[in-house]
Amino acid sequence: MEQLTPRQIVAELDKYIVGQKGAKRAVAIALRNRYRRSLLPSALQEDVLPKNILMIGPTGVGKTEIARRLAKLVKAPFTKVEATKFTEVGYVGRDVESIIRDLTEVALRMVKSEKVKEVEVQAEKNAEKRLLDLISGKKKDSPSVNPFQFLFGQEAEKEKENPDTPETEKDKDFFHQKLQNGELEEIMIEIEVEENPAYSDMLGASGMELGINLQDMMAGMFPKKRKKKKVAVKEARRILIQEEAQNLIDHDEAVQEAIRRTEQEGIVFLDEIDKIAGKENSGGPDVSRGGVQRDILPLVEGSTVMTKYGAVKTDHILYIAAGAFHVAKPSDLIPELQGRFPIRVELESLSVADFKRILTEPEASIIKQYSALLSTEGINVNFSENAIEEIAEIAYNVNSSTENIGARRLHTIVEKVLEELSYEASELPEDYNITINKEYIHTRVGDVAKNQDLSKYIL
């Protein structure tokens, strides 16, 4: 984990998210406390639990983005889930333990990606060698396959390589030179790739979330099938590098590291927590609200979840819950769950000034994104200062008069402003310059923004 100070964490988050100092400070402290905990004696480490955070604020003000950017910043396993997708066991919906299984999968992908980078150079060398053998026509003797070997756990014989002769050596040198010069990239060759067994699709479609991974069990019982495929040399190189990298990394070690990261560094973002708060009704869709809270509680309190990679303890995973809480209040959550989210932060609704900053300040601001997209067609788009002010004003007014969807409203308005230009961009001459000003915006969205009935449907 990177050892960033809370101030540095907030400064990094400021690059992508406008305002919300309180929420940024809360997550920065929670993250720094993880680092502080790692320096404690091991006996004390177990007892120092993370202080989970409850974010309260309307949609589109940056709740999810803060959590996602935080996880990316420290390369922590992160998963976002909607609390409404879970309902108590025996009703409908998913089992809450799937949150931890998903988080473990994310961690494993991260670890494997890092390990693949470590062996990339060697994998490229091995792939190049295999590629050269394929191009130069060097043959391998296929192993004799005895089905009984697999039933009794015996390994199949390895493929036997035919020894190089002076002629094949000469061919290899010739093709190696051409390969290095990039002259063979588009030539089609035949390679063998692993075939996904049919039962994997069958199991995947059923949505099985069992502790025991049936797919892995079945894969271990039967030999891996390989099929021949014709591809260009550049595509073959990519496939062979992936295969060689997978052969070079230690999968068991990757699994253990993934479990450690999930347990010690994992971050779970529980969105729409307010939708499962509130008083129970006698029937209807609300019947499972309390049930979901009681199901989530063991995860947040600390329990052990069985995944296909082994047991994962949830005691030190950081949970960030979020909700608008327009109707329900945080006090409507069951007391046990409330107690597990000791840090409460309220996120403010966005002002006109905030909208202006969101349009221009972040590293991948909305204006920069749209300008970059149109520049690919040779269109140079410039937004004047009064145009940015006008878009911010319209977004604020539409949010005030209709549903408040926060910064997401900006995308709707900018899309509407640039709709005609985006449609015609491919037909306009190269190096076409256009300045978007207040008048330009008025002609495209002015009437719609003023008419409340229209803006409800269009903006």
Protein backbone atom coordinates (compact mmCIF):
# COMPACT_ATOMS: atom_id res chain seq x y z
CA MET A 1 0.00 0.00 0.00
CA GLU A 2 1.32 3.44 -0.87
CA GLN A 3 2.12 5.47 2.20
CA LEU A 4 0.29 8.69 1.38
CA THR A 5 -0.55 11.22 4.08
CA PRO A 6 -4.21 12.30 4.44
CA ARG A 7 -3.34 15.68 2.90
CA GLN A 8 -1.72 13.98 -0.13
CA ILE A 9 -4.76 11.69 -0.53
CA VAL A 10 -7.13 14.70 -0.52
CA ALA A 11 -4.87 16.52 -3.02
CA GLU A 12 -5.00 13.50 -5.36
CA LEU A 13 -8.81 13.23 -5.05
CA ASP A 14 -9.08 16.99 -5.79
CA LYS A 15 -7.71 16.28 -9.28
CA TYR A 16 -10.86 14.33 -10.15
CA ILE A 17 -13.62 15.41 -7.76
CA VAL A 18 -14.74 18.98 -7.09
CA GLY A 19 -15.57 20.04 -3.51
CA GLN A 20 -16.80 17.59 -0.82
CA LYS A 21 -13.86 18.30 1.53
CA GLY A 22 -15.56 16.55 4.46
CA ALA A 23 -15.99 13.24 2.61
CA LYS A 24 -12.46 13.37 1.20
CA ARG A 25 -10.96 13.99 4.64
CA ALA A 26 -12.96 11.09 6.13
CA VAL A 27 -11.79 8.56 3.53
CA ALA A 28 -8.22 9.89 3.69
CA ILE A 29 -8.10 9.36 7.47
CA ALA A 30 -9.63 5.86 7.13
CA LEU A 31 -6.95 4.94 4.60
CA ARG A 32 -4.09 6.37 6.67
CA ASN A 33 -5.38 4.42 9.68
CA ARG A 34 -4.85 1.23 7.68
CA TYR A 35 -1.20 2.13 7.23
CA ARG A 36 -0.89 3.04 10.93
CA ARG A 37 -2.46 -0.29 11.86
CA SER A 38 0.11 -2.17 9.74
CA LEU A 39 2.88 -0.71 11.95
CA LEU A 40 1.31 -1.97 15.20
CA PRO A 41 2.38 -5.20 16.96
CA SER A 42 0.57 -8.18 15.40
CA ALA A 43 -1.35 -8.90 18.65
CA LEU A 44 -2.89 -5.42 18.58
CA GLN A 45 -3.46 -5.36 14.80
CA GLU A 46 -6.30 -7.91 15.04
CA ASP A 47 -8.27 -5.71 17.45
CA VAL A 48 -7.94 -2.45 15.50
CA LEU A 49 -10.95 -2.55 13.19
CA PRO A 50 -11.61 -0.08 10.34
CA LYS A 51 -14.02 2.77 11.03
CA ASN A 52 -16.60 2.39 8.28
CA ILE A 53 -18.05 5.48 6.62
CA LEU A 54 -21.65 6.46 5.82
CA MET A 55 -21.94 9.11 3.08
CA ILE A 56 -25.18 11.06 2.98
CA GLY A 57 -25.99 13.18 -0.06
CA PRO A 58 -28.03 13.42 -3.26
CA THR A 59 -27.13 11.51 -6.41
CA GLY A 60 -24.40 12.83 -8.70
CA VAL A 61 -22.35 14.73 -6.09
CA GLY A 62 -19.35 12.36 -6.10
CA LYS A 63 -20.00 9.63 -3.50
CA THR A 64 -19.13 6.68 -5.75
CA GLU A 65 -16.32 8.54 -7.49
CA ILE A 66 -14.58 9.33 -4.18
CA ALA A 67 -14.58 5.63 -3.19
CA ARG A 68 -13.53 4.43 -6.65
CA ARG A 69 -10.69 6.96 -7.02
CA LEU A 70 -9.53 6.19 -3.47
CA ALA A 71 -9.22 2.48 -4.26
CA LYS A 72 -7.42 3.22 -7.54
CA LEU A 73 -5.04 5.58 -5.76
CA VAL A 74 -3.73 2.90 -3.40
CA LYS A 75 -4.28 -0.06 -5.77
CA ALA A 76 -6.75 -1.66 -3.36
CA PRO A 77 -9.32 -4.29 -4.42
CA PHE A 78 -12.64 -2.44 -4.84
CA THR A 79 -16.19 -3.47 -5.60
CA LYS A 80 -19.37 -1.39 -5.81
CA VAL A 81 -22.74 -2.98 -5.10
CA GLU A 82 -26.30 -1.70 -4.82
CA ALA A 83 -27.89 -2.75 -1.55
CA THR A 84 -31.21 -3.17 -3.38
CA LYS A 85 -29.83 -6.07 -5.42
CA PHE A 86 -29.76 -8.20 -2.26
CA THR A 87 -32.79 -9.53 -0.48
CA GLU A 88 -33.03 -11.87 2.45
CA VAL A 89 -32.24 -15.51 1.77
CA GLY A 90 -35.35 -17.39 0.66
CA TYR A 91 -36.86 -14.34 -1.03
CA VAL A 92 -35.34 -13.18 -4.36
CA GLY A 93 -32.03 -11.61 -5.31
CA ARG A 94 -28.39 -12.46 -4.61
CA ASP A 95 -26.70 -13.80 -1.54
CA VAL A 96 -24.76 -11.00 0.22
CA GLU A 97 -21.65 -13.20 0.49
CA SER A 98 -21.25 -12.78 -3.28
CA ILE A 99 -19.90 -9.27 -2.45
CA ILE A 100 -16.80 -10.84 -0.90
CA ARG A 101 -16.48 -13.39 -3.70
CA ASP A 102 -16.56 -10.57 -6.26
CA LEU A 103 -13.98 -8.62 -4.23
CA THR A 104 -11.67 -11.67 -4.12
CA GLU A 105 -11.97 -12.06 -7.90
CA VAL A 106 -11.01 -8.38 -8.34
CA ALA A 107 -8.00 -8.86 -6.04
CA LEU A 108 -6.88 -11.97 -7.94
CA ARG A 109 -7.09 -10.15 -11.29
CA MET A 110 -4.97 -7.33 -9.85
CA VAL A 111 -2.33 -9.71 -8.46
CA LYS A 112 -2.15 -11.77 -11.66
CA SER A 113 -1.84 -8.60 -13.74
CA GLU A 114 1.11 -7.47 -11.59
CA LYS A 115 2.77 -10.89 -11.75
CA VAL A 116 2.33 -11.05 -15.52
CA LYS A 117 4.16 -7.70 -15.81
CA GLU A 118 7.05 -9.14 -13.76
CA VAL A 119 7.52 -12.06 -16.19
CA GLU A 120 6.63 -10.10 -19.34
CA VAL A 121 10.17 -10.01 -20.75
CA GLN A 122 10.69 -13.77 -20.32
CA ALA A 123 7.19 -14.51 -21.66
CA GLU A 124 7.96 -12.46 -24.78
CA LYS A 125 11.20 -14.40 -25.34
CA ASN A 126 9.42 -17.76 -24.93
CA ALA A 127 6.58 -16.66 -27.21
CA GLU A 128 9.05 -15.45 -29.86
CA LYS A 129 10.77 -18.85 -29.77
CA ARG A 130 7.46 -20.69 -30.21
CA LEU A 131 6.48 -18.30 -32.98
CA LEU A 132 9.74 -18.97 -34.79
CA ASP A 133 9.15 -22.72 -34.54
CA LEU A 134 5.68 -22.31 -36.04
CA ILE A 135 6.83 -20.07 -38.90
CA SER A 136 9.88 -22.17 -39.76
CA GLY A 137 7.73 -25.32 -39.78
CA LYS A 138 9.47 -27.13 -36.93
CA LYS A 139 7.30 -30.10 -35.94
CA LYS A 140 6.57 -31.51 -32.51
CA ASP A 141 5.62 -35.10 -31.87
CA SER A 142 2.16 -35.14 -30.32
CA PRO A 143 1.96 -37.04 -27.04
CA SER A 144 0.09 -40.31 -26.92
CA VAL A 145 -3.14 -39.74 -25.03
CA ASN A 146 -4.42 -42.51 -22.80
CA PRO A 147 -7.82 -41.60 -21.26
CA PHE A 148 -7.18 -43.89 -18.26
CA GLN A 149 -4.20 -41.74 -17.27
CA PHE A 150 -6.56 -38.88 -16.44
CA LEU A 151 -8.92 -41.05 -14.44
CA PHE A 152 -6.07 -42.29 -12.25
CA GLY A 153 -4.44 -38.87 -11.90
CA GLN A 154 -1.45 -39.62 -14.12
CA GLU A 155 -0.07 -36.79 -16.19
CA ALA A 156 -0.02 -36.95 -19.96
CA GLU A 157 3.30 -37.25 -21.71
CA LYS A 158 4.84 -33.96 -22.72
CA GLU A 159 5.12 -32.99 -26.35
CA LYS A 160 8.45 -34.10 -27.75
CA GLU A 161 10.44 -31.61 -29.76
CA ASN A 162 12.27 -32.85 -32.82
CA PRO A 163 15.95 -31.82 -32.68
CA ASP A 164 17.13 -28.97 -34.92
CA THR A 165 19.03 -29.90 -38.09
CA PRO A 166 21.43 -27.54 -39.92
CA GLU A 167 18.67 -26.86 -42.48
CA THR A 168 16.08 -25.88 -39.86
CA GLU A 169 18.66 -23.74 -38.04
CA LYS A 170 19.32 -21.87 -41.28
CA ASP A 171 15.56 -21.40 -41.84
CA LYS A 172 15.10 -20.16 -38.29
CA ASP A 173 17.85 -17.55 -38.70
CA PHE A 174 16.25 -16.36 -41.94
CA PHE A 175 12.75 -16.11 -40.41
CA HIS A 176 14.08 -14.60 -37.19
CA GLN A 177 15.55 -11.69 -39.15
CA LYS A 178 12.28 -11.13 -41.01
CA LEU A 179 10.32 -11.36 -37.74
CA GLN A 180 12.58 -8.75 -36.13
CA ASN A 181 12.07 -6.43 -39.11
CA GLY A 182 8.28 -6.77 -38.79
CA GLU A 183 7.93 -8.23 -42.30
CA LEU A 184 5.79 -11.22 -41.24
CA GLU A 185 3.17 -9.48 -39.08
CA GLU A 186 0.23 -10.07 -41.47
CA ILE A 187 1.15 -13.65 -42.50
CA MET A 188 -1.46 -16.22 -41.40
CA ILE A 189 -0.22 -19.17 -39.33
CA GLU A 190 -1.90 -22.03 -37.49
CA ILE A 191 -1.57 -22.18 -33.70
CA GLU A 192 -3.10 -24.33 -30.97
CA VAL A 193 -5.18 -22.61 -28.30
CA GLU A 194 -6.98 -23.94 -25.24
CA GLU A 195 -10.65 -24.57 -25.82
CA ASN A 196 -13.17 -23.55 -23.18
CA PRO A 197 -15.18 -26.67 -22.29
CA ALA A 198 -18.90 -26.57 -22.95
CA TYR A 199 -19.81 -27.16 -19.30
CA SER A 200 -18.18 -23.84 -18.29
CA ASP A 201 -20.91 -21.97 -20.20
CA MET A 202 -23.57 -24.16 -18.65
CA LEU A 203 -22.35 -23.50 -15.11
CA GLY A 204 -21.75 -19.81 -15.75
CA ALA A 205 -25.27 -19.29 -17.05
CA SER A 206 -26.81 -20.89 -13.99
CA GLY A 207 -25.26 -18.18 -11.79
CA MET A 208 -23.92 -20.72 -9.31
CA GLU A 209 -22.25 -19.14 -6.32
CA LEU A 210 -21.03 -22.23 -4.52
CA GLY A 211 -18.03 -22.36 -2.20
CA ILE A 212 -16.80 -25.36 -4.16
CA ASN A 213 -15.96 -24.47 -7.72
CA LEU A 214 -17.51 -27.25 -9.79
CA GLN A 215 -15.99 -25.88 -12.96
CA ASP A 216 -12.46 -26.23 -11.55
CA MET A 217 -13.24 -29.74 -10.30
CA MET A 218 -14.45 -30.86 -13.70
CA ALA A 219 -11.49 -29.17 -15.43
CA GLY A 220 -9.16 -31.21 -13.21
CA MET A 221 -10.86 -34.50 -14.16
CA PHE A 222 -10.40 -34.15 -17.90
CA PRO A 223 -7.45 -33.07 -20.05
CA LYS A 224 -7.52 -29.54 -21.43
CA LYS A 225 -8.69 -29.60 -25.02
CA ARG A 226 -6.72 -27.64 -27.58
CA LYS A 227 -8.01 -26.56 -30.95
CA LYS A 228 -6.19 -25.27 -34.01
CA LYS A 229 -6.83 -21.72 -35.10
CA LYS A 230 -5.56 -19.64 -38.03
CA VAL A 231 -4.43 -16.15 -37.02
CA ALA A 232 -2.04 -13.42 -38.19
CA VAL A 233 1.48 -13.46 -36.71
CA LYS A 234 0.86 -10.30 -34.63
CA GLU A 235 -2.28 -11.87 -33.09
CA ALA A 236 -0.45 -15.20 -32.56
CA ARG A 237 2.31 -13.34 -30.71
CA ARG A 238 -0.24 -11.77 -28.32
CA ILE A 239 -1.92 -15.15 -27.64
CA LEU A 240 1.42 -16.93 -27.08
CA ILE A 241 2.71 -14.18 -24.75
CA GLN A 242 -0.45 -14.56 -22.63
CA GLU A 243 -0.04 -18.35 -22.52
CA GLU A 244 3.66 -18.16 -21.63
CA ALA A 245 3.03 -15.54 -18.94
CA GLN A 246 0.37 -17.76 -17.35
CA ASN A 247 2.84 -20.68 -17.37
CA LEU A 248 5.54 -18.59 -15.68
CA ILE A 249 3.52 -17.23 -12.75
CA ASP A 250 2.85 -19.17 -9.55
CA HIS A 251 -0.96 -19.40 -9.38
CA ASP A 252 -1.11 -20.68 -5.79
CA GLU A 253 1.05 -17.79 -4.63
CA ALA A 254 -1.19 -15.35 -6.54
CA VAL A 255 -4.30 -16.77 -4.84
CA GLN A 256 -2.76 -16.40 -1.36
CA GLU A 257 -1.73 -12.80 -2.09
CA ALA A 258 -5.22 -12.05 -3.46
CA ILE A 259 -6.85 -13.36 -0.26
CA ARG A 260 -4.43 -11.30 1.86
CA ARG A 261 -5.22 -8.14 -0.11
CA THR A 262 -8.95 -8.75 0.07
CA GLU A 263 -8.80 -9.17 3.84
CA GLN A 264 -6.37 -6.32 4.61
CA GLU A 265 -6.90 -3.77 1.84
CA GLY A 266 -10.34 -4.46 0.32
CA ILE A 267 -12.88 -1.63 -0.04
CA VAL A 268 -16.60 -2.33 -0.50
CA PHE A 269 -18.90 0.50 -1.61
CA LEU A 270 -22.51 -0.18 -0.58
CA ASP A 271 -24.68 2.17 -2.62
CA GLU A 272 -28.37 2.95 -2.09
CA ILE A 273 -28.20 1.88 1.55
CA ASP A 274 -31.15 4.23 2.22
CA LYS A 275 -33.39 2.05 0.03
CA ILE A 276 -33.16 -0.80 2.55
CA ALA A 277 -33.75 1.50 5.55
CA GLY A 278 -37.19 2.39 6.86
CA LYS A 279 -40.06 0.77 8.64
CA GLU A 280 -41.23 -2.70 7.65
CA ASN A 281 -44.54 -3.03 5.82
CA SER A 282 -46.82 -6.01 6.10
CA GLY A 283 -46.24 -7.02 2.49
CA GLY A 284 -45.00 -5.93 -0.90
CA PRO A 285 -41.43 -5.29 -1.99
CA ASP A 286 -40.42 -3.77 1.36
CA VAL A 287 -40.79 -7.10 3.15
CA SER A 288 -37.11 -7.85 2.75
CA ARG A 289 -35.58 -4.52 3.87
CA GLY A 290 -34.77 -5.56 7.41
CA GLY A 291 -33.68 -8.96 6.14
CA VAL A 292 -31.07 -7.42 3.84
CA GLN A 293 -29.71 -5.30 6.68
CA ARG A 294 -29.45 -8.37 8.92
CA ASP A 295 -27.71 -10.29 6.09
CA ILE A 296 -25.20 -7.48 5.48
CA LEU A 297 -24.49 -7.10 9.20
CA PRO A 298 -22.23 -10.21 9.62
CA LEU A 299 -20.02 -9.05 6.71
CA VAL A 300 -19.58 -5.60 8.22
CA GLU A 301 -19.14 -6.95 11.77
CA GLY A 302 -16.57 -9.50 10.62
CA SER A 303 -17.15 -13.04 9.51
CA THR A 304 -15.55 -15.73 7.33
CA VAL A 305 -16.84 -16.21 3.79
CA MET A 306 -16.04 -19.33 1.77
CA THR A 307 -14.89 -18.53 -1.76
CA LYS A 308 -13.60 -20.91 -4.43
CA TYR A 309 -10.07 -19.80 -3.49
CA GLY A 310 -10.47 -20.46 0.23
CA ALA A 311 -11.80 -18.75 3.36
CA VAL A 312 -11.78 -14.93 3.44
CA LYS A 313 -12.15 -13.01 6.72
CA THR A 314 -14.09 -9.75 6.42
CA ASP A 315 -13.01 -8.13 9.72
CA HIS A 316 -10.63 -5.56 8.21
CA ILE A 317 -12.38 -4.75 4.93
CA LEU A 318 -13.35 -1.05 4.74
CA TYR A 319 -17.05 -0.50 4.02
CA ILE A 320 -18.26 2.80 2.61
CA ALA A 321 -22.05 3.03 2.52
CA ALA A 322 -23.89 5.78 0.68
CA GLY A 323 -27.41 6.98 0.15
CA ALA A 324 -29.46 10.09 -0.62
CA PHE A 325 -31.66 9.59 2.49
CA HIS A 326 -34.46 11.76 1.05
CA VAL A 327 -37.22 9.68 2.62
CA ALA A 328 -35.47 7.43 5.14
CA LYS A 329 -32.97 8.66 7.74
CA PRO A 330 -29.72 7.01 8.87
CA SER A 331 -31.48 6.34 12.19
CA ASP A 332 -33.98 4.12 10.30
CA LEU A 333 -31.24 1.53 9.76
CA ILE A 334 -31.23 -1.26 12.34
CA PRO A 335 -29.20 -0.16 15.42
CA GLU A 336 -26.56 -2.90 14.97
CA LEU A 337 -25.81 -1.70 11.41
CA GLN A 338 -25.81 1.97 12.42
CA GLY A 339 -23.17 1.18 15.02
CA ARG A 340 -20.91 -0.31 12.37
CA PHE A 341 -20.77 2.99 10.44
CA PRO A 342 -19.42 5.38 13.07
CA ILE A 343 -18.19 8.04 10.61
CA ARG A 344 -21.00 10.08 9.04
CA VAL A 345 -20.26 12.63 6.33
CA GLU A 346 -22.79 14.80 4.55
CA LEU A 347 -22.06 15.71 0.94
CA GLU A 348 -23.31 19.07 -0.25
CA SER A 349 -25.54 19.69 -3.26
CA LEU A 350 -23.62 21.24 -6.14
CA SER A 351 -23.79 25.01 -6.79
CA VAL A 352 -23.36 26.90 -10.09
CA ALA A 353 -19.71 27.56 -9.15
CA ASP A 354 -19.20 23.81 -8.55
CA PHE A 355 -20.66 23.00 -11.97
CA LYS A 356 -18.27 25.48 -13.63
CA ARG A 357 -15.31 23.82 -11.92
CA ILE A 358 -16.54 20.32 -12.84
CA LEU A 359 -16.76 21.35 -16.50
CA THR A 360 -13.15 22.52 -16.67
CA GLU A 361 -10.93 21.62 -13.68
CA PRO A 362 -10.70 17.79 -13.32
CA GLU A 363 -7.99 15.98 -15.30
CA ALA A 364 -10.62 14.39 -17.55
CA SER A 365 -13.23 17.15 -17.34
CA ILE A 366 -16.38 17.02 -19.48
CA ILE A 367 -15.19 19.87 -21.75
CA LYS A 368 -11.80 18.17 -22.29
CA GLN A 369 -13.51 14.85 -23.09
CA TYR A 370 -15.85 16.29 -25.73
CA SER A 371 -13.12 18.49 -27.26
CA ALA A 372 -10.81 15.46 -27.53
CA LEU A 373 -13.54 13.32 -29.14
CA LEU A 374 -14.26 15.92 -31.82
CA SER A 375 -10.56 16.60 -32.41
CA THR A 376 -10.27 13.03 -33.78
CA GLU A 377 -12.37 14.29 -36.73
CA GLY A 378 -10.15 17.39 -37.13
CA ILE A 379 -12.65 19.71 -35.39
CA ASN A 380 -11.17 22.30 -32.99
CA VAL A 381 -13.82 23.16 -30.40
CA ASN A 382 -13.33 26.09 -28.03
CA PHE A 383 -15.74 26.90 -25.20
CA SER A 384 -15.90 30.57 -24.24
CA GLU A 385 -16.11 31.61 -20.58
CA ASN A 386 -19.74 32.74 -20.92
CA ALA A 387 -20.63 29.37 -22.54
CA ILE A 388 -19.29 27.47 -19.51
CA GLU A 389 -21.21 29.81 -17.19
CA GLU A 390 -24.40 29.29 -19.23
CA ILE A 391 -24.12 25.46 -19.15
CA ALA A 392 -23.53 25.59 -15.36
CA GLU A 393 -26.56 27.91 -14.89
CA ILE A 394 -28.84 25.70 -17.00
CA ALA A 395 -27.70 22.54 -15.15
CA TYR A 396 -28.34 24.16 -11.77
CA ASN A 397 -31.78 25.49 -12.78
CA VAL A 398 -32.94 22.21 -14.33
CA ASN A 399 -31.76 20.32 -11.22
CA SER A 400 -33.68 22.77 -9.03
CA SER A 401 -36.92 22.60 -11.02
CA THR A 402 -36.90 18.86 -11.80
CA GLU A 403 -35.13 15.88 -10.20
CA ASN A 404 -31.70 16.76 -8.75
CA ILE A 405 -29.26 14.37 -10.45
CA GLY A 406 -26.15 16.39 -9.62
CA ALA A 407 -23.22 16.57 -12.03
CA ARG A 408 -24.78 13.97 -14.33
CA ARG A 409 -27.03 16.77 -15.63
CA LEU A 410 -23.97 18.39 -17.23
CA HIS A 411 -23.48 15.40 -19.55
CA THR A 412 -27.11 15.68 -20.69
CA ILE A 413 -26.81 19.39 -21.47
CA VAL A 414 -23.37 19.29 -23.15
CA GLU A 415 -24.54 16.32 -25.25
CA LYS A 416 -27.60 18.33 -26.35
CA VAL A 417 -25.47 21.42 -27.13
CA LEU A 418 -23.02 19.43 -29.28
CA GLU A 419 -25.55 17.04 -30.83
CA GLU A 420 -25.68 18.75 -34.24
CA LEU A 421 -21.90 19.28 -34.38
CA SER A 422 -21.22 15.63 -33.45
CA TYR A 423 -23.59 14.49 -36.18
CA GLU A 424 -21.96 16.63 -38.91
CA ALA A 425 -18.33 16.40 -37.69
CA SER A 426 -17.26 13.69 -40.14
CA GLU A 427 -18.48 15.80 -43.09
CA LEU A 428 -16.81 19.08 -42.07
CA PRO A 429 -13.42 20.12 -43.53
CA GLU A 430 -10.15 19.34 -41.70
CA ASP A 431 -8.96 21.91 -39.12
CA TYR A 432 -12.49 23.27 -38.76
CA ASN A 433 -12.62 25.78 -35.88
CA ILE A 434 -15.73 26.53 -33.89
CA THR A 435 -16.30 28.57 -30.74
CA ILE A 436 -19.18 27.58 -28.48
CA ASN A 437 -20.53 30.74 -26.84
CA LYS A 438 -23.63 31.75 -24.87
CA GLU A 439 -25.64 32.47 -28.06
CA TYR A 440 -24.76 29.07 -29.54
CA ILE A 441 -26.07 27.35 -26.39
CA HIS A 442 -29.25 29.47 -26.37
CA THR A 443 -30.15 28.45 -29.91
CA ARG A 444 -29.85 24.76 -29.01
CA VAL A 445 -31.14 24.39 -25.45
CA GLY A 446 -32.44 27.83 -24.41
CA ASP A 447 -36.14 27.19 -25.12
CA VAL A 448 -36.04 23.67 -23.69
CA ALA A 449 -34.37 24.86 -20.46
CA LYS A 450 -36.99 27.60 -19.94
CA ASN A 451 -39.96 25.30 -20.51
CA GLN A 452 -40.22 23.11 -17.39
CA ASP A 453 -42.47 20.52 -19.04
CA LEU A 454 -40.01 20.10 -21.93
CA SER A 455 -36.90 20.05 -19.73
CA LYS A 456 -38.39 17.21 -17.66
CA TYR A 457 -38.32 15.01 -20.76
CA ILE A 458 -35.32 16.31 -22.68
CA LEU A 459 -32.80 17.59 -20.10
